Amino acid sequence: MFRNNYDNDSVTYSPTGRLFQVEYALEAIKQGSAAVGITSGSHVVLVALKRNAEELGSYQKKIIKVDDHMGIALAGLAPDARVLSNYLRKLAMNSKLVFNRPLLTSKAVLSIADKAQENTQLYGSRPYGVGLLVAGWDETGAHLYEFQPSGSVLEYNGAAIGARSQAARTYLERNLDAIRSCTEIEELVVHGLNALRDTLSQDMELTIQNTSVSFVGKDKDFTIHDNEDVQQWLDKLDSTSNDKNNANDDEDDDNDEPAEGTATAADSTQPELTQEGAAADDNMETD
């Protein structure tokens, strides 16, 4: 489907200046389940949607701890993320042994960016097929970075990667001011879970089995919560959602009744949305 004369390796440019192997690696990220990261002035939160290959299998790990002050969330090929996380752990260990201080988050992401960029200019290698959200707290404050297989890294106040991540980014853009003003970790986690829920298909919901939550910040080490530990935030998410739905219902009651063609048009488009969501699910094989 994607074959052409310029995608046999990662070092050959097409006539339009494109590296197709790098673009294919970016597509692998879009096939993975979503991960969301948000930061306030003092804390960073990572939430991720876990996926199991089948009902009898366990859920894939989506958040990896690098050091007490740093961790990553992944979307794409999990083995590639494992290689990069081990590399980050070596850097963090070396920083403590040699300099007796934690590794700066900015230095960590630039190091893996250099490592990834080498694969785009060496014949016989391939780009890493994984995207990372790197969260950390150091002497310069709280930081959230997005890493891409091309070697590009950018710092964000809020970011989302993986399948249907655009819906999560839209939520983050609409609520950025509220997110930046959060003083409690619980508030940040609820915002993150709301954004993550927007990436779900119509037949899915967030549960303690498929949701991972982690955070790091001032006076708090990087901590990962899975399974029953996530229930406390899912309960807050449900109550918040119910309050919003009730408010919307009240506004709808105050409005005039819609015209006769409105409901019919909405009903006619519903099957198309359902088919689109089902088609997207069939294409997702990565973590």
C-alpha atoms as a PDB file:
ATOM      1  CA  MET A   1       0.000   0.000   0.000  1.00  0.00           C
ATOM      2  CA  PHE A   2       2.772   2.429   0.946  1.00  0.00           C
ATOM      3  CA  ARG A   3       5.509   0.984  -1.268  1.00  0.00           C
ATOM      4  CA  ASN A   4       7.532   3.330  -3.455  1.00  0.00           C
ATOM      5  CA  ASN A   5      11.092   3.684  -4.703  1.00  0.00           C
ATOM      6  CA  TYR A   6      12.250   5.773  -1.759  1.00  0.00           C
ATOM      7  CA  ASP A   7      11.167   3.805   1.336  1.00  0.00           C
ATOM      8  CA  ASN A   8      13.649   0.925   1.245  1.00  0.00           C
ATOM      9  CA  ASP A   9      15.830   2.572   3.899  1.00  0.00           C
ATOM     10  CA  SER A  10      15.813   5.561   6.228  1.00  0.00           C
ATOM     11  CA  VAL A  11      18.656   7.482   4.583  1.00  0.00           C
ATOM     12  CA  THR A  12      17.206   8.106   1.118  1.00  0.00           C
ATOM     13  CA  TYR A  13      15.238  11.281   0.506  1.00  0.00           C
ATOM     14  CA  SER A  14      12.355  11.353  -1.918  1.00  0.00           C
ATOM     15  CA  PRO A  15      12.341  14.079  -4.597  1.00  0.00           C
ATOM     16  CA  THR A  16       9.995  16.067  -2.355  1.00  0.00           C
ATOM     17  CA  GLY A  17      12.414  15.909   0.610  1.00  0.00           C
ATOM     18  CA  ARG A  18      10.600  13.268   2.640  1.00  0.00           C
ATOM     19  CA  LEU A  19      11.967  10.315   4.629  1.00  0.00           C
ATOM     20  CA  PHE A  20       9.250   7.701   4.286  1.00  0.00           C
ATOM     21  CA  GLN A  21      10.672   5.339   6.941  1.00  0.00           C
ATOM     22  CA  VAL A  22      10.373   8.133   9.502  1.00  0.00           C
ATOM     23  CA  GLU A  23       6.806   8.838   8.398  1.00  0.00           C
ATOM     24  CA  TYR A  24       5.945   5.151   8.752  1.00  0.00           C
ATOM     25  CA  ALA A  25       7.336   5.215  12.299  1.00  0.00           C
ATOM     26  CA  LEU A  26       5.054   8.156  13.088  1.00  0.00           C
ATOM     27  CA  GLU A  27       2.132   6.106  11.775  1.00  0.00           C
ATOM     28  CA  ALA A  28       3.039   3.314  14.217  1.00  0.00           C
ATOM     29  CA  ILE A  29       2.502   5.792  17.064  1.00  0.00           C
ATOM     30  CA  LYS A  30      -0.985   6.594  15.785  1.00  0.00           C
ATOM     31  CA  GLN A  31      -1.876   2.892  15.900  1.00  0.00           C
ATOM     32  CA  GLY A  32      -1.066   2.587  19.620  1.00  0.00           C
ATOM     33  CA  SER A  33      -3.522   3.262  22.414  1.00  0.00           C
ATOM     34  CA  ALA A  34      -3.627   6.819  23.718  1.00  0.00           C
ATOM     35  CA  ALA A  35      -1.505   8.440  26.409  1.00  0.00           C
ATOM     36  CA  VAL A  36      -2.061  11.917  27.845  1.00  0.00           C
ATOM     37  CA  GLY A  37       0.253  14.169  29.821  1.00  0.00           C
ATOM     38  CA  ILE A  38      -0.520  17.484  31.538  1.00  0.00           C
ATOM     39  CA  THR A  39       1.502  19.760  33.778  1.00  0.00           C
ATOM     40  CA  SER A  40       0.839  22.559  36.234  1.00  0.00           C
ATOM     41  CA  GLY A  41       3.365  24.764  37.943  1.00  0.00           C
ATOM     42  CA  SER A  42       4.388  22.086  40.425  1.00  0.00           C
ATOM     43  CA  HIS A  43       3.247  18.663  39.158  1.00  0.00           C
ATOM     44  CA  VAL A  44       3.095  16.510  36.034  1.00  0.00           C
ATOM     45  CA  VAL A  45       0.474  13.801  35.439  1.00  0.00           C
ATOM     46  CA  LEU A  46       0.586  10.970  32.905  1.00  0.00           C
ATOM     47  CA  VAL A  47      -2.480   8.832  32.164  1.00  0.00           C
ATOM     48  CA  ALA A  48      -2.613   6.037  29.619  1.00  0.00           C
ATOM     49  CA  LEU A  49      -5.047   3.559  28.123  1.00  0.00           C
ATOM     50  CA  LYS A  50      -3.812  -0.021  28.353  1.00  0.00           C
ATOM     51  CA  ARG A  51      -4.717  -2.662  25.787  1.00  0.00           C
ATOM     52  CA  ASN A  52      -4.793  -6.452  25.912  1.00  0.00           C
ATOM     53  CA  ALA A  53      -4.287  -8.539  22.800  1.00  0.00           C
ATOM     54  CA  GLU A  54      -7.105 -10.923  23.781  1.00  0.00           C
ATOM     55  CA  GLU A  55      -9.419 -11.654  26.668  1.00  0.00           C
ATOM     56  CA  LEU A  56      -7.089 -14.315  28.093  1.00  0.00           C
ATOM     57  CA  GLY A  57      -4.045 -12.051  27.999  1.00  0.00           C
ATOM     58  CA  SER A  58      -2.819  -9.412  30.414  1.00  0.00           C
ATOM     59  CA  TYR A  59      -2.823  -5.674  29.710  1.00  0.00           C
ATOM     60  CA  GLN A  60       0.309  -4.102  28.276  1.00  0.00           C
ATOM     61  CA  LYS A  61       2.340  -1.783  30.458  1.00  0.00           C
ATOM     62  CA  LYS A  62       2.036   1.800  29.222  1.00  0.00           C
ATOM     63  CA  ILE A  63       3.904   3.852  31.850  1.00  0.00           C
ATOM     64  CA  ILE A  64       7.520   3.149  32.814  1.00  0.00           C
ATOM     65  CA  LYS A  65       9.436   4.593  35.744  1.00  0.00           C
ATOM     66  CA  VAL A  66      12.909   5.866  34.859  1.00  0.00           C
ATOM     67  CA  ASP A  67      13.997   7.364  38.186  1.00  0.00           C
ATOM     68  CA  ASP A  68      12.427   8.750  41.335  1.00  0.00           C
ATOM     69  CA  HIS A  69      11.899  12.079  39.568  1.00  0.00           C
ATOM     70  CA  MET A  70      11.109  10.935  36.018  1.00  0.00           C
ATOM     71  CA  GLY A  71       8.928   8.552  34.005  1.00  0.00           C
ATOM     72  CA  ILE A  72       7.566   7.979  30.503  1.00  0.00           C
ATOM     73  CA  ALA A  73       4.285   7.035  28.835  1.00  0.00           C
ATOM     74  CA  LEU A  74       4.426   5.283  25.467  1.00  0.00           C
ATOM     75  CA  ALA A  75       2.372   4.814  22.330  1.00  0.00           C
ATOM     76  CA  GLY A  76       3.546   2.521  19.555  1.00  0.00           C
ATOM     77  CA  LEU A  77       5.948  -0.433  19.718  1.00  0.00           C
ATOM     78  CA  ALA A  78       6.504  -1.393  23.349  1.00  0.00           C
ATOM     79  CA  PRO A  79       9.864  -3.178  22.735  1.00  0.00           C
ATOM     80  CA  ASP A  80      11.304   0.019  21.285  1.00  0.00           C
ATOM     81  CA  ALA A  81      10.083   1.947  24.336  1.00  0.00           C
ATOM     82  CA  ARG A  82      11.740  -0.613  26.590  1.00  0.00           C
ATOM     83  CA  VAL A  83      15.094  -0.053  24.865  1.00  0.00           C
ATOM     84  CA  LEU A  84      14.811   3.720  25.223  1.00  0.00           C
ATOM     85  CA  SER A  85      13.688   3.513  28.862  1.00  0.00           C
ATOM     86  CA  ASN A  86      16.676   1.317  29.728  1.00  0.00           C
ATOM     87  CA  TYR A  87      18.934   3.870  28.048  1.00  0.00           C
ATOM     88  CA  LEU A  88      17.367   6.629  30.139  1.00  0.00           C
ATOM     89  CA  ARG A  89      17.862   4.589  33.313  1.00  0.00           C
ATOM     90  CA  LYS A  90      21.565   4.245  32.535  1.00  0.00           C
ATOM     91  CA  LEU A  91      21.838   7.994  32.051  1.00  0.00           C
ATOM     92  CA  ALA A  92      20.030   8.663  35.327  1.00  0.00           C
ATOM     93  CA  MET A  93      22.243   6.200  37.199  1.00  0.00           C
ATOM     94  CA  ASN A  94      25.391   7.706  35.693  1.00  0.00           C
ATOM     95  CA  SER A  95      24.282  11.216  36.682  1.00  0.00           C
ATOM     96  CA  LYS A  96      23.882  10.138  40.320  1.00  0.00           C
ATOM     97  CA  LEU A  97      27.161   8.227  40.455  1.00  0.00           C
ATOM     98  CA  VAL A  98      29.328  10.839  38.709  1.00  0.00           C
ATOM     99  CA  PHE A  99      27.680  14.159  39.581  1.00  0.00           C
ATOM    100  CA  ASN A 100      25.658  13.149  42.666  1.00  0.00           C
ATOM    101  CA  ARG A 101      22.517  14.840  41.341  1.00  0.00           C
ATOM    102  CA  PRO A 102      19.368  13.770  39.470  1.00  0.00           C
ATOM    103  CA  LEU A 103      19.409  13.834  35.688  1.00  0.00           C
ATOM    104  CA  LEU A 104      17.806  16.964  34.242  1.00  0.00           C
ATOM    105  CA  THR A 105      14.647  16.203  32.289  1.00  0.00           C
ATOM    106  CA  SER A 106      15.776  18.364  29.373  1.00  0.00           C
ATOM    107  CA  LYS A 107      19.106  16.538  29.137  1.00  0.00           C
ATOM    108  CA  ALA A 108      17.350  13.171  29.248  1.00  0.00           C
ATOM    109  CA  VAL A 109      15.016  13.902  26.331  1.00  0.00           C
ATOM    110  CA  LEU A 110      17.778  15.458  24.238  1.00  0.00           C
ATOM    111  CA  SER A 111      19.908  12.359  24.800  1.00  0.00           C
ATOM    112  CA  ILE A 112      17.261   9.962  23.493  1.00  0.00           C
ATOM    113  CA  ALA A 113      16.533  12.421  20.674  1.00  0.00           C
ATOM    114  CA  ASP A 114      20.172  12.207  19.571  1.00  0.00           C
ATOM    115  CA  LYS A 115      20.030   8.412  19.821  1.00  0.00           C
ATOM    116  CA  ALA A 116      16.878   8.285  17.690  1.00  0.00           C
ATOM    117  CA  GLN A 117      18.190  10.754  15.131  1.00  0.00           C
ATOM    118  CA  GLU A 118      21.205   8.533  14.429  1.00  0.00           C
ATOM    119  CA  ASN A 119      18.849   5.860  13.123  1.00  0.00           C
ATOM    120  CA  THR A 120      17.579   8.262  10.466  1.00  0.00           C
ATOM    121  CA  GLN A 121      21.039   8.756   8.910  1.00  0.00           C
ATOM    122  CA  LEU A 122      22.656   5.325   9.233  1.00  0.00           C
ATOM    123  CA  TYR A 123      22.084   2.709   6.538  1.00  0.00           C
ATOM    124  CA  GLY A 124      20.799  -0.622   7.850  1.00  0.00           C
ATOM    125  CA  SER A 125      18.950   0.788  10.861  1.00  0.00           C
ATOM    126  CA  ARG A 126      15.336   1.813  11.278  1.00  0.00           C
ATOM    127  CA  PRO A 127      13.660   4.601  13.257  1.00  0.00           C
ATOM    128  CA  TYR A 128      12.146   3.731  16.619  1.00  0.00           C
ATOM    129  CA  GLY A 129       8.445   3.031  16.147  1.00  0.00           C
ATOM    130  CA  VAL A 130       7.334   4.602  19.403  1.00  0.00           C
ATOM    131  CA  GLY A 131       6.379   8.007  20.750  1.00  0.00           C
ATOM    132  CA  LEU A 132       7.044   8.993  24.349  1.00  0.00           C
ATOM    133  CA  LEU A 133       5.695  11.504  26.830  1.00  0.00           C
ATOM    134  CA  VAL A 134       8.499  12.239  29.288  1.00  0.00           C
ATOM    135  CA  ALA A 135       7.450  13.694  32.652  1.00  0.00           C
ATOM    136  CA  GLY A 136       9.942  14.917  35.202  1.00  0.00           C
ATOM    137  CA  TRP A 137      10.625  17.204  38.129  1.00  0.00           C
ATOM    138  CA  ASP A 138      14.071  18.724  38.658  1.00  0.00           C
ATOM    139  CA  GLU A 139      15.722  21.854  39.987  1.00  0.00           C
ATOM    140  CA  THR A 140      14.146  23.884  37.168  1.00  0.00           C
ATOM    141  CA  GLY A 141      10.581  22.767  37.931  1.00  0.00           C
ATOM    142  CA  ALA A 142       7.993  20.452  36.369  1.00  0.00           C
ATOM    143  CA  HIS A 143       8.429  19.477  32.726  1.00  0.00           C
ATOM    144  CA  LEU A 144       6.526  17.512  30.081  1.00  0.00           C
ATOM    145  CA  TYR A 145       8.185  16.608  26.776  1.00  0.00           C
ATOM    146  CA  GLU A 146       6.998  14.738  23.698  1.00  0.00           C
ATOM    147  CA  PHE A 147       9.563  12.572  21.884  1.00  0.00           C
ATOM    148  CA  GLN A 148       9.150  11.511  18.250  1.00  0.00           C
ATOM    149  CA  PRO A 149      11.099   8.897  16.217  1.00  0.00           C
ATOM    150  CA  SER A 150      12.525  11.629  13.985  1.00  0.00           C
ATOM    151  CA  GLY A 151      14.547  12.885  16.946  1.00  0.00           C
ATOM    152  CA  SER A 152      12.275  15.840  17.543  1.00  0.00           C
ATOM    153  CA  VAL A 153      11.406  16.826  21.116  1.00  0.00           C
ATOM    154  CA  LEU A 154       9.127  19.631  22.272  1.00  0.00           C
ATOM    155  CA  GLU A 155       8.016  20.771  25.704  1.00  0.00           C
ATOM    156  CA  TYR A 156       4.269  21.047  26.312  1.00  0.00           C
ATOM    157  CA  ASN A 157       1.800  22.158  28.963  1.00  0.00           C
ATOM    158  CA  GLY A 158      -0.441  19.326  27.746  1.00  0.00           C
ATOM    159  CA  ALA A 159       0.125  16.624  25.138  1.00  0.00           C
ATOM    160  CA  ALA A 160      -1.516  13.467  23.810  1.00  0.00           C
ATOM    161  CA  ILE A 161      -0.206  10.697  21.561  1.00  0.00           C
ATOM    162  CA  GLY A 162      -1.686   7.521  20.125  1.00  0.00           C
ATOM    163  CA  ALA A 163      -4.979   6.607  18.480  1.00  0.00           C
ATOM    164  CA  ARG A 164      -7.650   9.335  18.450  1.00  0.00           C
ATOM    165  CA  SER A 165      -5.307  11.629  20.365  1.00  0.00           C
ATOM    166  CA  GLN A 166      -6.677  14.687  18.564  1.00  0.00           C
ATOM    167  CA  ALA A 167      -9.841  14.482  20.676  1.00  0.00           C
ATOM    168  CA  ALA A 168      -7.728  14.602  23.835  1.00  0.00           C
ATOM    169  CA  ARG A 169      -5.722  17.563  22.531  1.00  0.00           C
ATOM    170  CA  THR A 170      -8.956  19.411  21.830  1.00  0.00           C
ATOM    171  CA  TYR A 171     -10.044  18.906  25.443  1.00  0.00           C
ATOM    172  CA  LEU A 172      -6.665  20.108  26.720  1.00  0.00           C
ATOM    173  CA  GLU A 173      -6.794  23.236  24.559  1.00  0.00           C
ATOM    174  CA  ARG A 174     -10.271  24.138  25.825  1.00  0.00           C
ATOM    175  CA  ASN A 175      -9.311  23.652  29.486  1.00  0.00           C
ATOM    176  CA  LEU A 176      -5.692  24.825  29.450  1.00  0.00           C
ATOM    177  CA  ASP A 177      -6.233  27.740  31.823  1.00  0.00           C
ATOM    178  CA  ALA A 178      -7.978  25.528  34.372  1.00  0.00           C
ATOM    179  CA  ILE A 179      -5.248  22.900  34.080  1.00  0.00           C
ATOM    180  CA  ARG A 180      -2.417  25.384  34.580  1.00  0.00           C
ATOM    181  CA  SER A 181      -4.119  26.809  37.660  1.00  0.00           C
ATOM    182  CA  CYS A 182      -4.562  23.431  39.376  1.00  0.00           C
ATOM    183  CA  THR A 183      -2.877  23.207  42.759  1.00  0.00           C
ATOM    184  CA  GLU A 184      -3.874  19.640  43.658  1.00  0.00           C
ATOM    185  CA  ILE A 185      -2.769  16.442  41.943  1.00  0.00           C
ATOM    186  CA  GLU A 186      -6.317  15.061  42.099  1.00  0.00           C
ATOM    187  CA  GLU A 187      -7.578  17.900  39.921  1.00  0.00           C
ATOM    188  CA  LEU A 188      -4.852  17.270  37.346  1.00  0.00           C
ATOM    189  CA  VAL A 189      -5.600  13.543  37.275  1.00  0.00           C
ATOM    190  CA  VAL A 190      -9.316  14.169  36.668  1.00  0.00           C
ATOM    191  CA  HIS A 191      -8.498  16.508  33.771  1.00  0.00           C
ATOM    192  CA  GLY A 192      -6.151  13.897  32.331  1.00  0.00           C
ATOM    193  CA  LEU A 193      -8.748  11.129  32.585  1.00  0.00           C
ATOM    194  CA  ASN A 194     -11.374  13.358  30.966  1.00  0.00           C
ATOM    195  CA  ALA A 195      -9.032  13.942  28.033  1.00  0.00           C
ATOM    196  CA  LEU A 196      -8.183  10.234  27.845  1.00  0.00           C
ATOM    197  CA  ARG A 197     -11.859   9.268  27.840  1.00  0.00           C
ATOM    198  CA  ASP A 198     -12.440  11.418  24.760  1.00  0.00           C
ATOM    199  CA  THR A 199     -10.104   9.091  22.820  1.00  0.00           C
ATOM    200  CA  LEU A 200     -12.241   6.010  23.480  1.00  0.00           C
ATOM    201  CA  SER A 201     -14.426   4.365  20.882  1.00  0.00           C
ATOM    202  CA  GLN A 202     -18.159   4.287  21.500  1.00  0.00           C
ATOM    203  CA  ASP A 203     -18.204   0.758  22.940  1.00  0.00           C
ATOM    204  CA  MET A 204     -15.391   1.336  25.472  1.00  0.00           C
ATOM    205  CA  GLU A 205     -15.079   2.982  28.868  1.00  0.00           C
ATOM    206  CA  LEU A 206     -12.306   3.583  31.394  1.00  0.00           C
ATOM    207  CA  THR A 207     -11.939   0.796  33.949  1.00  0.00           C
ATOM    208  CA  ILE A 208      -9.413  -0.120  36.613  1.00  0.00           C
ATOM    209  CA  GLN A 209      -8.027  -2.790  34.259  1.00  0.00           C
ATOM    210  CA  ASN A 210      -7.311  -0.570  31.231  1.00  0.00           C
ATOM    211  CA  THR A 211      -6.264   2.691  32.926  1.00  0.00           C
ATOM    212  CA  SER A 212      -2.876   3.718  34.308  1.00  0.00           C
ATOM    213  CA  VAL A 213      -2.220   6.909  36.282  1.00  0.00           C
ATOM    214  CA  SER A 214       1.117   8.360  37.333  1.00  0.00           C
ATOM    215  CA  PHE A 215       2.376  11.671  38.653  1.00  0.00           C
ATOM    216  CA  VAL A 216       5.526  13.423  39.835  1.00  0.00           C
ATOM    217  CA  GLY A 217       6.158  16.838  41.288  1.00  0.00           C
ATOM    218  CA  LYS A 218       7.463  18.930  44.121  1.00  0.00           C
ATOM    219  CA  ASP A 219       8.102  16.730  47.173  1.00  0.00           C
ATOM    220  CA  LYS A 220       6.540  13.752  45.334  1.00  0.00           C
ATOM    221  CA  ASP A 221       8.455  10.931  43.676  1.00  0.00           C
ATOM    222  CA  PHE A 222       7.285   9.426  40.403  1.00  0.00           C
ATOM    223  CA  THR A 223       4.471   7.019  41.298  1.00  0.00           C
ATOM    224  CA  ILE A 224       2.449   4.671  39.095  1.00  0.00           C
ATOM    225  CA  HIS A 225      -1.081   3.593  40.019  1.00  0.00           C
ATOM    226  CA  ASP A 226      -2.797   0.607  38.392  1.00  0.00           C
ATOM    227  CA  ASN A 227      -5.818  -1.620  39.011  1.00  0.00           C
ATOM    228  CA  GLU A 228      -7.681  -0.873  42.273  1.00  0.00           C
ATOM    229  CA  ASP A 229      -5.565   2.198  43.003  1.00  0.00           C
ATOM    230  CA  VAL A 230      -7.147   3.953  40.006  1.00  0.00           C
ATOM    231  CA  GLN A 231     -10.719   3.553  41.264  1.00  0.00           C
ATOM    232  CA  GLN A 232     -10.554   6.650  43.465  1.00  0.00           C
ATOM    233  CA  TRP A 233     -10.028   8.880  40.411  1.00  0.00           C
ATOM    234  CA  LEU A 234     -12.511   7.028  38.228  1.00  0.00           C
ATOM    235  CA  ASP A 235     -15.173   7.699  40.871  1.00  0.00           C
ATOM    236  CA  LYS A 236     -14.386  11.410  40.760  1.00  0.00           C
ATOM    237  CA  LEU A 237     -14.480  11.284  36.982  1.00  0.00           C
ATOM    238  CA  ASP A 238     -17.980   9.791  36.994  1.00  0.00           C
ATOM    239  CA  SER A 239     -19.312  12.366  39.446  1.00  0.00           C
ATOM    240  CA  THR A 240     -17.797  15.209  37.437  1.00  0.00           C
ATOM    241  CA  SER A 241     -19.268  13.839  34.232  1.00  0.00           C
ATOM    242  CA  ASN A 242     -22.707  13.476  35.794  1.00  0.00           C
ATOM    243  CA  ASP A 243     -22.634  17.084  36.987  1.00  0.00           C
ATOM    244  CA  LYS A 244     -21.741  18.272  33.489  1.00  0.00           C
ATOM    245  CA  ASN A 245     -24.429  16.124  31.888  1.00  0.00           C
ATOM    246  CA  ASN A 246     -27.054  17.414  34.305  1.00  0.00           C
ATOM    247  CA  ALA A 247     -26.051  21.003  33.542  1.00  0.00           C
ATOM    248  CA  ASN A 248     -26.310  20.326  29.819  1.00  0.00           C
ATOM    249  CA  ASP A 249     -29.724  18.718  30.268  1.00  0.00           C
ATOM    250  CA  ASP A 250     -30.959  21.806  32.122  1.00  0.00           C
ATOM    251  CA  GLU A 251     -29.766  24.053  29.310  1.00  0.00           C
ATOM    252  CA  ASP A 252     -31.484  21.857  26.729  1.00  0.00           C
ATOM    253  CA  ASP A 253     -34.758  22.029  28.669  1.00  0.00           C
ATOM    254  CA  ASP A 254     -34.637  25.820  28.582  1.00  0.00           C
ATOM    255  CA  ASN A 255     -34.244  25.893  24.812  1.00  0.00           C
ATOM    256  CA  ASP A 256     -37.061  25.576  22.304  1.00  0.00           C
ATOM    257  CA  GLU A 257     -37.784  22.170  20.808  1.00  0.00           C
ATOM    258  CA  PRO A 258     -35.751  21.459  17.650  1.00  0.00           C
ATOM    259  CA  ALA A 259     -37.290  21.406  14.207  1.00  0.00           C
ATOM    260  CA  GLU A 260     -38.669  18.198  12.830  1.00  0.00           C
ATOM    261  CA  GLY A 261     -35.698  17.357  10.556  1.00  0.00           C
ATOM    262  CA  THR A 262     -33.078  17.694  13.281  1.00  0.00           C
ATOM    263  CA  ALA A 263     -33.541  14.401  15.111  1.00  0.00           C
ATOM    264  CA  THR A 264     -33.897  12.517  11.846  1.00  0.00           C
ATOM    265  CA  ALA A 265     -30.632  13.923  10.533  1.00  0.00           C
ATOM    266  CA  ALA A 266     -28.786  13.028  13.745  1.00  0.00           C
ATOM    267  CA  ASP A 267     -30.169   9.496  13.663  1.00  0.00           C
ATOM    268  CA  SER A 268     -29.126   9.011  10.055  1.00  0.00           C
ATOM    269  CA  THR A 269     -25.515   9.938  10.806  1.00  0.00           C
ATOM    270  CA  GLN A 270     -25.176   7.670  13.851  1.00  0.00           C
ATOM    271  CA  PRO A 271     -24.545   4.405  11.924  1.00  0.00           C
ATOM    272  CA  GLU A 272     -21.767   6.098   9.948  1.00  0.00           C
ATOM    273  CA  LEU A 273     -20.011   7.180  13.156  1.00  0.00           C
ATOM    274  CA  THR A 274     -20.312   3.673  14.562  1.00  0.00           C
ATOM    275  CA  GLN A 275     -18.807   2.102  11.458  1.00  0.00           C
ATOM    276  CA  GLU A 276     -15.946   4.588  11.476  1.00  0.00           C
ATOM    277  CA  GLY A 277     -15.090   3.775  15.103  1.00  0.00           C
ATOM    278  CA  ALA A 278     -15.210   0.042  14.389  1.00  0.00           C
ATOM    279  CA  ALA A 279     -12.913   0.418  11.391  1.00  0.00           C
ATOM    280  CA  ALA A 280     -10.394   2.324  13.484  1.00  0.00           C
ATOM    281  CA  ASP A 281     -10.378  -0.440  16.129  1.00  0.00           C
ATOM    282  CA  ASP A 282      -9.567  -3.086  13.525  1.00  0.00           C
ATOM    283  CA  ASN A 283      -6.377  -1.256  12.530  1.00  0.00           C
ATOM    284  CA  MET A 284      -4.803  -0.945  15.989  1.00  0.00           C
ATOM    285  CA  GLU A 285      -2.222  -3.614  16.753  1.00  0.00           C
ATOM    286  CA  THR A 286       0.420  -1.730  18.738  1.00  0.00           C
ATOM    287  CA  ASP A 287       0.421  -0.741  22.415  1.00  0.00           C
END
